[in-house]
Amino acid sequence: MVKFDILKHELVPKFTILSKEEVEALRQTYGIRKEHLPWIRKSDPICKVLGAKPGDVLKIERNSEVAGKSIAYRYVVPG
C-alpha cells in the first residue's frame, strides 16, 4: 500500500489550525462566533492529518490567478 502526504499534493491548499488568539482576532474582526463559520467534519482527511479536533478553526489559503490569494476559514465539528 502506497501512502503519501495529502498536504503536499498540488491541488490541496495550505491548511493551518489557528491559535486561540488568532480565533479571537478573527471573531472580533468579523463580529461573529466561530460556530457561524462554515463547518468541516473531524473525519475529513485534512483534519485527520492535521490532528484538528472539534472546536478548532482552520485557515485555508488558496492561490488564485484572478484574486491572487484567497483565505477561507472552517470550524471543526464532530463527525
PDB file of N, CA and C in Angstrom:
ATOM      1  N   MET A   1       0.845  -1.175   0.000  1.00  0.00           N
ATOM      2  CA  MET A   1       0.000   0.000   0.000  1.00  0.00           C
ATOM      3  C   MET A   1       0.896   1.246   0.000  1.00  0.00           C
ATOM      4  N   VAL A   2       0.665   2.124  -0.935  1.00  0.00           N
ATOM      5  CA  VAL A   2       1.448   3.350  -1.052  1.00  0.00           C
ATOM      6  C   VAL A   2       0.752   4.458  -0.270  1.00  0.00           C
ATOM      7  N   LYS A   3       1.498   5.107   0.615  1.00  0.00           N
ATOM      8  CA  LYS A   3       0.956   6.237   1.376  1.00  0.00           C
ATOM      9  C   LYS A   3       1.655   7.503   0.929  1.00  0.00           C
ATOM     10  N   PHE A   4       0.921   8.596   0.920  1.00  0.00           N
ATOM     11  CA  PHE A   4       1.511   9.881   0.565  1.00  0.00           C
ATOM     12  C   PHE A   4       0.902  10.964   1.432  1.00  0.00           C
ATOM     13  N   ASP A   5       1.586  12.069   1.519  1.00  0.00           N
ATOM     14  CA  ASP A   5       1.140  13.201   2.323  1.00  0.00           C
ATOM     15  C   ASP A   5       0.184  14.047   1.480  1.00  0.00           C
ATOM     16  N   ILE A   6      -1.112  14.036   1.852  1.00  0.00           N
ATOM     17  CA  ILE A   6      -2.092  14.776   1.058  1.00  0.00           C
ATOM     18  C   ILE A   6      -1.849  16.277   1.087  1.00  0.00           C
ATOM     19  N   LEU A   7      -1.157  16.760   2.125  1.00  0.00           N
ATOM     20  CA  LEU A   7      -0.881  18.192   2.210  1.00  0.00           C
ATOM     21  C   LEU A   7       0.130  18.655   1.168  1.00  0.00           C
ATOM     22  N   LYS A   8       0.874  17.721   0.592  1.00  0.00           N
ATOM     23  CA  LYS A   8       1.879  18.087  -0.413  1.00  0.00           C
ATOM     24  C   LYS A   8       1.344  17.988  -1.844  1.00  0.00           C
ATOM     25  N   HIS A   9       0.091  17.551  -2.003  1.00  0.00           N
ATOM     26  CA  HIS A   9      -0.478  17.451  -3.347  1.00  0.00           C
ATOM     27  C   HIS A   9      -0.719  18.847  -3.911  1.00  0.00           C
ATOM     28  N   GLU A  10      -0.456  19.034  -5.192  1.00  0.00           N
ATOM     29  CA  GLU A  10      -0.546  20.365  -5.809  1.00  0.00           C
ATOM     30  C   GLU A  10      -1.950  20.963  -5.808  1.00  0.00           C
ATOM     31  N   LEU A  11      -2.978  20.135  -5.704  1.00  0.00           N
ATOM     32  CA  LEU A  11      -4.348  20.651  -5.726  1.00  0.00           C
ATOM     33  C   LEU A  11      -4.910  20.940  -4.333  1.00  0.00           C
ATOM     34  N   VAL A  12      -4.170  20.590  -3.287  1.00  0.00           N
ATOM     35  CA  VAL A  12      -4.633  20.814  -1.917  1.00  0.00           C
ATOM     36  C   VAL A  12      -4.070  22.142  -1.420  1.00  0.00           C
ATOM     37  N   PRO A  13      -4.958  23.058  -1.002  1.00  0.00           N
ATOM     38  CA  PRO A  13      -4.466  24.356  -0.497  1.00  0.00           C
ATOM     39  C   PRO A  13      -3.780  24.204   0.850  1.00  0.00           C
ATOM     40  N   LYS A  14      -3.167  25.279   1.329  1.00  0.00           N
ATOM     41  CA  LYS A  14      -2.473  25.279   2.615  1.00  0.00           C
ATOM     42  C   LYS A  14      -3.498  25.397   3.742  1.00  0.00           C
ATOM     43  N   PHE A  15      -3.444  24.463   4.698  1.00  0.00           N
ATOM     44  CA  PHE A  15      -4.322  24.459   5.860  1.00  0.00           C
ATOM     45  C   PHE A  15      -3.504  24.737   7.107  1.00  0.00           C
ATOM     46  N   THR A  16      -4.060  25.548   8.023  1.00  0.00           N
ATOM     47  CA  THR A  16      -3.406  25.863   9.288  1.00  0.00           C
ATOM     48  C   THR A  16      -4.459  25.879  10.392  1.00  0.00           C
ATOM     49  N   ILE A  17      -4.117  25.322  11.553  1.00  0.00           N
ATOM     50  CA  ILE A  17      -5.003  25.421  12.718  1.00  0.00           C
ATOM     51  C   ILE A  17      -4.676  26.740  13.418  1.00  0.00           C
ATOM     52  N   LEU A  18      -5.699  27.572  13.621  1.00  0.00           N
ATOM     53  CA  LEU A  18      -5.488  28.872  14.264  1.00  0.00           C
ATOM     54  C   LEU A  18      -5.323  28.728  15.771  1.00  0.00           C
ATOM     55  N   SER A  19      -4.503  29.594  16.347  1.00  0.00           N
ATOM     56  CA  SER A  19      -4.342  29.645  17.804  1.00  0.00           C
ATOM     57  C   SER A  19      -5.577  30.329  18.407  1.00  0.00           C
ATOM     58  N   LYS A  20      -5.721  30.236  19.712  1.00  0.00           N
ATOM     59  CA  LYS A  20      -6.858  30.875  20.388  1.00  0.00           C
ATOM     60  C   LYS A  20      -6.855  32.380  20.162  1.00  0.00           C
ATOM     61  N   GLU A  21      -5.658  32.976  20.157  1.00  0.00           N
ATOM     62  CA  GLU A  21      -5.555  34.422  19.934  1.00  0.00           C
ATOM     63  C   GLU A  21      -5.989  34.786  18.514  1.00  0.00           C
ATOM     64  N   GLU A  22      -5.602  33.972  17.545  1.00  0.00           N
ATOM     65  CA  GLU A  22      -5.986  34.235  16.150  1.00  0.00           C
ATOM     66  C   GLU A  22      -7.487  34.071  15.957  1.00  0.00           C
ATOM     67  N   VAL A  23      -8.077  33.084  16.629  1.00  0.00           N
ATOM     68  CA  VAL A  23      -9.533  32.878  16.541  1.00  0.00           C
ATOM     69  C   VAL A  23     -10.253  34.076  17.148  1.00  0.00           C
ATOM     70  N   GLU A  24      -9.766  34.576  18.275  1.00  0.00           N
ATOM     71  CA  GLU A  24     -10.394  35.728  18.922  1.00  0.00           C
ATOM     72  C   GLU A  24     -10.293  36.972  18.033  1.00  0.00           C
ATOM     73  N   ALA A  25      -9.146  37.168  17.398  1.00  0.00           N
ATOM     74  CA  ALA A  25      -8.979  38.309  16.484  1.00  0.00           C
ATOM     75  C   ALA A  25      -9.926  38.180  15.294  1.00  0.00           C
ATOM     76  N   LEU A  26     -10.068  36.974  14.760  1.00  0.00           N
ATOM     77  CA  LEU A  26     -10.987  36.721  13.639  1.00  0.00           C
ATOM     78  C   LEU A  26     -12.424  37.018  14.057  1.00  0.00           C
ATOM     79  N   ARG A  27     -12.789  36.547  15.255  1.00  0.00           N
ATOM     80  CA  ARG A  27     -14.133  36.783  15.780  1.00  0.00           C
ATOM     81  C   ARG A  27     -14.435  38.269  15.901  1.00  0.00           C
ATOM     82  N   GLN A  28     -13.492  39.011  16.447  1.00  0.00           N
ATOM     83  CA  GLN A  28     -13.706  40.443  16.642  1.00  0.00           C
ATOM     84  C   GLN A  28     -13.712  41.202  15.327  1.00  0.00           C
ATOM     85  N   THR A  29     -12.873  40.801  14.393  1.00  0.00           N
ATOM     86  CA  THR A  29     -12.821  41.469  13.089  1.00  0.00           C
ATOM     87  C   THR A  29     -14.155  41.367  12.365  1.00  0.00           C
ATOM     88  N   TYR A  30     -14.749  40.171  12.388  1.00  0.00           N
ATOM     89  CA  TYR A  30     -15.986  39.953  11.629  1.00  0.00           C
ATOM     90  C   TYR A  30     -17.243  40.005  12.495  1.00  0.00           C
ATOM     91  N   GLY A  31     -17.090  40.133  13.808  1.00  0.00           N
ATOM     92  CA  GLY A  31     -18.242  40.224  14.702  1.00  0.00           C
ATOM     93  C   GLY A  31     -19.093  38.966  14.694  1.00  0.00           C
ATOM     94  N   ILE A  32     -18.434  37.806  14.672  1.00  0.00           N
ATOM     95  CA  ILE A  32     -19.157  36.533  14.614  1.00  0.00           C
ATOM     96  C   ILE A  32     -18.668  35.602  15.717  1.00  0.00           C
ATOM     97  N   ARG A  33     -19.414  34.530  15.923  1.00  0.00           N
ATOM     98  CA  ARG A  33     -18.942  33.431  16.758  1.00  0.00           C
ATOM     99  C   ARG A  33     -18.321  32.407  15.822  1.00  0.00           C
ATOM    100  N   LYS A  34     -17.370  31.641  16.326  1.00  0.00           N
ATOM    101  CA  LYS A  34     -16.694  30.688  15.441  1.00  0.00           C
ATOM    102  C   LYS A  34     -17.665  29.637  14.897  1.00  0.00           C
ATOM    103  N   GLU A  35     -18.754  29.372  15.604  1.00  0.00           N
ATOM    104  CA  GLU A  35     -19.759  28.411  15.137  1.00  0.00           C
ATOM    105  C   GLU A  35     -20.487  28.910  13.891  1.00  0.00           C
ATOM    106  N   HIS A  36     -20.382  30.199  13.587  1.00  0.00           N
ATOM    107  CA  HIS A  36     -21.029  30.753  12.403  1.00  0.00           C
ATOM    108  C   HIS A  36     -20.233  30.518  11.127  1.00  0.00           C
ATOM    109  N   LEU A  37     -18.978  30.095  11.271  1.00  0.00           N
ATOM    110  CA  LEU A  37     -18.142  29.800  10.101  1.00  0.00           C
ATOM    111  C   LEU A  37     -18.640  28.521   9.423  1.00  0.00           C
ATOM    112  N   PRO A  38     -18.316  28.333   8.143  1.00  0.00           N
ATOM    113  CA  PRO A  38     -18.643  27.046   7.501  1.00  0.00           C
ATOM    114  C   PRO A  38     -17.967  25.912   8.271  1.00  0.00           C
ATOM    115  N   TRP A  39     -18.614  24.753   8.295  1.00  0.00           N
ATOM    116  CA  TRP A  39     -18.121  23.633   9.084  1.00  0.00           C
ATOM    117  C   TRP A  39     -17.311  22.651   8.245  1.00  0.00           C
ATOM    118  N   ILE A  40     -16.407  21.940   8.930  1.00  0.00           N
ATOM    119  CA  ILE A  40     -15.685  20.816   8.356  1.00  0.00           C
ATOM    120  C   ILE A  40     -15.694  19.727   9.426  1.00  0.00           C
ATOM    121  N   ARG A  41     -15.958  18.501   9.022  1.00  0.00           N
ATOM    122  CA  ARG A  41     -16.043  17.402   9.991  1.00  0.00           C
ATOM    123  C   ARG A  41     -14.663  16.926  10.431  1.00  0.00           C
ATOM    124  N   LYS A  42     -14.592  16.486  11.672  1.00  0.00           N
ATOM    125  CA  LYS A  42     -13.354  15.951  12.233  1.00  0.00           C
ATOM    126  C   LYS A  42     -12.867  14.750  11.431  1.00  0.00           C
ATOM    127  N   SER A  43     -13.783  14.050  10.772  1.00  0.00           N
ATOM    128  CA  SER A  43     -13.435  12.856   9.998  1.00  0.00           C
ATOM    129  C   SER A  43     -12.876  13.194   8.611  1.00  0.00           C
ATOM    130  N   ASP A  44     -12.866  14.476   8.232  1.00  0.00           N
ATOM    131  CA  ASP A  44     -12.296  14.878   6.946  1.00  0.00           C
ATOM    132  C   ASP A  44     -10.808  14.508   6.932  1.00  0.00           C
ATOM    133  N   PRO A  45     -10.299  13.983   5.808  1.00  0.00           N
ATOM    134  CA  PRO A  45      -8.883  13.585   5.752  1.00  0.00           C
ATOM    135  C   PRO A  45      -7.905  14.692   6.174  1.00  0.00           C
ATOM    136  N   ILE A  46      -8.190  15.935   5.838  1.00  0.00           N
ATOM    137  CA  ILE A  46      -7.309  17.042   6.226  1.00  0.00           C
ATOM    138  C   ILE A  46      -7.264  17.190   7.750  1.00  0.00           C
ATOM    139  N   CYS A  47      -8.431  17.087   8.388  1.00  0.00           N
ATOM    140  CA  CYS A  47      -8.484  17.194   9.849  1.00  0.00           C
ATOM    141  C   CYS A  47      -7.702  16.062  10.503  1.00  0.00           C
ATOM    142  N   LYS A  48      -7.799  14.873   9.929  1.00  0.00           N
ATOM    143  CA  LYS A  48      -7.062  13.731  10.471  1.00  0.00           C
ATOM    144  C   LYS A  48      -5.559  13.964  10.377  1.00  0.00           C
ATOM    145  N   VAL A  49      -5.088  14.445   9.229  1.00  0.00           N
ATOM    146  CA  VAL A  49      -3.653  14.681   9.032  1.00  0.00           C
ATOM    147  C   VAL A  49      -3.150  15.783   9.965  1.00  0.00           C
ATOM    148  N   LEU A  50      -3.930  16.858  10.106  1.00  0.00           N
ATOM    149  CA  LEU A  50      -3.517  17.983  10.945  1.00  0.00           C
ATOM    150  C   LEU A  50      -3.692  17.715  12.440  1.00  0.00           C
ATOM    151  N   GLY A  51      -4.544  16.740  12.769  1.00  0.00           N
ATOM    152  CA  GLY A  51      -4.849  16.488  14.173  1.00  0.00           C
ATOM    153  C   GLY A  51      -5.849  17.484  14.729  1.00  0.00           C
ATOM    154  N   ALA A  52      -6.681  18.047  13.854  1.00  0.00           N
ATOM    155  CA  ALA A  52      -7.690  19.023  14.280  1.00  0.00           C
ATOM    156  C   ALA A  52      -8.789  18.321  15.072  1.00  0.00           C
ATOM    157  N   LYS A  53      -9.281  19.009  16.089  1.00  0.00           N
ATOM    158  CA  LYS A  53     -10.346  18.443  16.907  1.00  0.00           C
ATOM    159  C   LYS A  53     -11.529  19.402  16.936  1.00  0.00           C
ATOM    160  N   PRO A  54     -12.709  18.905  17.302  1.00  0.00           N
ATOM    161  CA  PRO A  54     -13.885  19.773  17.356  1.00  0.00           C
ATOM    162  C   PRO A  54     -13.611  21.029  18.189  1.00  0.00           C
ATOM    163  N   GLY A  55     -14.028  22.163  17.639  1.00  0.00           N
ATOM    164  CA  GLY A  55     -13.802  23.449  18.291  1.00  0.00           C
ATOM    165  C   GLY A  55     -12.658  24.230  17.676  1.00  0.00           C
ATOM    166  N   ASP A  56     -11.777  23.538  16.925  1.00  0.00           N
ATOM    167  CA  ASP A  56     -10.675  24.220  16.243  1.00  0.00           C
ATOM    168  C   ASP A  56     -11.196  24.994  15.032  1.00  0.00           C
ATOM    169  N   VAL A  57     -10.427  25.981  14.611  1.00  0.00           N
ATOM    170  CA  VAL A  57     -10.737  26.732  13.395  1.00  0.00           C
ATOM    171  C   VAL A  57      -9.556  26.574  12.448  1.00  0.00           C
ATOM    172  N   LEU A  58      -9.848  26.190  11.208  1.00  0.00           N
ATOM    173  CA  LEU A  58      -8.817  26.024  10.191  1.00  0.00           C
ATOM    174  C   LEU A  58      -8.799  27.224   9.259  1.00  0.00           C
ATOM    175  N   LYS A  59      -7.608  27.660   8.900  1.00  0.00           N
ATOM    176  CA  LYS A  59      -7.423  28.720   7.907  1.00  0.00           C
ATOM    177  C   LYS A  59      -6.976  28.031   6.621  1.00  0.00           C
ATOM    178  N   ILE A  60      -7.638  28.344   5.522  1.00  0.00           N
ATOM    179  CA  ILE A  60      -7.329  27.736   4.225  1.00  0.00           C
ATOM    180  C   ILE A  60      -6.861  28.836   3.290  1.00  0.00           C
ATOM    181  N   GLU A  61      -5.635  28.691   2.776  1.00  0.00           N
ATOM    182  CA  GLU A  61      -5.062  29.683   1.864  1.00  0.00           C
ATOM    183  C   GLU A  61      -4.936  29.068   0.473  1.00  0.00           C
ATOM    184  N   ARG A  62      -5.634  29.678  -0.490  1.00  0.00           N
ATOM    185  CA  ARG A  62      -5.587  29.203  -1.867  1.00  0.00           C
ATOM    186  C   ARG A  62      -4.961  30.274  -2.752  1.00  0.00           C
ATOM    187  N   ASN A  63      -4.161  29.833  -3.709  1.00  0.00           N
ATOM    188  CA  ASN A  63      -3.621  30.754  -4.702  1.00  0.00           C
ATOM    189  C   ASN A  63      -4.582  30.804  -5.885  1.00  0.00           C
ATOM    190  N   SER A  64      -4.806  32.006  -6.391  1.00  0.00           N
ATOM    191  CA  SER A  64      -5.724  32.209  -7.488  1.00  0.00           C
ATOM    192  C   SER A  64      -5.080  33.118  -8.525  1.00  0.00           C
ATOM    193  N   GLU A  65      -5.196  32.737  -9.774  1.00  0.00           N
ATOM    194  CA  GLU A  65      -4.650  33.577 -10.844  1.00  0.00           C
ATOM    195  C   GLU A  65      -5.404  34.898 -10.919  1.00  0.00           C
ATOM    196  N   VAL A  66      -6.672  34.887 -10.566  1.00  0.00           N
ATOM    197  CA  VAL A  66      -7.501  36.092 -10.662  1.00  0.00           C
ATOM    198  C   VAL A  66      -7.401  36.949  -9.399  1.00  0.00           C
ATOM    199  N   ALA A  67      -7.564  36.320  -8.229  1.00  0.00           N
ATOM    200  CA  ALA A  67      -7.623  37.066  -6.975  1.00  0.00           C
ATOM    201  C   ALA A  67      -6.281  37.149  -6.256  1.00  0.00           C
ATOM    202  N   GLY A  68      -5.292  36.441  -6.722  1.00  0.00           N
ATOM    203  CA  GLY A  68      -4.012  36.409  -6.021  1.00  0.00           C
ATOM    204  C   GLY A  68      -4.039  35.369  -4.925  1.00  0.00           C
ATOM    205  N   LYS A  69      -4.459  35.769  -3.733  1.00  0.00           N
ATOM    206  CA  LYS A  69      -4.557  34.843  -2.607  1.00  0.00           C
ATOM    207  C   LYS A  69      -5.952  34.927  -2.012  1.00  0.00           C
ATOM    208  N   SER A  70      -6.541  33.771  -1.778  1.00  0.00           N
ATOM    209  CA  SER A  70      -7.875  33.682  -1.199  1.00  0.00           C
ATOM    210  C   SER A  70      -7.768  32.981   0.150  1.00  0.00           C
ATOM    211  N   ILE A  71      -8.410  33.541   1.168  1.00  0.00           N
ATOM    212  CA  ILE A  71      -8.375  32.945   2.504  1.00  0.00           C
ATOM    213  C   ILE A  71      -9.793  32.609   2.934  1.00  0.00           C
ATOM    214  N   ALA A  72      -9.952  31.385   3.453  1.00  0.00           N
ATOM    215  CA  ALA A  72     -11.242  30.926   3.963  1.00  0.00           C
ATOM    216  C   ALA A  72     -11.006  30.281   5.323  1.00  0.00           C
ATOM    217  N   TYR A  73     -12.085  30.121   6.075  1.00  0.00           N
ATOM    218  CA  TYR A  73     -11.998  29.529   7.410  1.00  0.00           C
ATOM    219  C   TYR A  73     -13.039  28.444   7.542  1.00  0.00           C
ATOM    220  N   ARG A  74     -12.737  27.415   8.356  1.00  0.00           N
ATOM    221  CA  ARG A  74     -13.669  26.330   8.622  1.00  0.00           C
ATOM    222  C   ARG A  74     -13.627  26.017  10.114  1.00  0.00           C
ATOM    223  N   TYR A  75     -14.807  25.748  10.675  1.00  0.00           N
ATOM    224  CA  TYR A  75     -14.962  25.372  12.080  1.00  0.00           C
ATOM    225  C   TYR A  75     -15.064  23.851  12.132  1.00  0.00           C
ATOM    226  N   VAL A  76     -14.232  23.208  12.947  1.00  0.00           N
ATOM    227  CA  VAL A  76     -14.210  21.742  13.034  1.00  0.00           C
ATOM    228  C   VAL A  76     -15.319  21.270  13.975  1.00  0.00           C
ATOM    229  N   VAL A  77     -16.156  20.356  13.460  1.00  0.00           N
ATOM    230  CA  VAL A  77     -17.260  19.789  14.236  1.00  0.00           C
ATOM    231  C   VAL A  77     -17.055  18.272  14.353  1.00  0.00           C
ATOM    232  N   PRO A  78     -17.717  17.646  15.346  1.00  0.00           N
ATOM    233  CA  PRO A  78     -17.603  16.182  15.452  1.00  0.00           C
ATOM    234  C   PRO A  78     -18.148  15.482  14.216  1.00  0.00           C
ATOM    235  N   GLY A  79     -17.710  14.275  14.033  1.00  0.00           N
ATOM    236  CA  GLY A  79     -18.269  13.509  12.915  1.00  0.00           C
ATOM    237  C   GLY A  79     -17.262  12.916  12.107  1.00  0.00           C
TER     238      GLY A  79
END
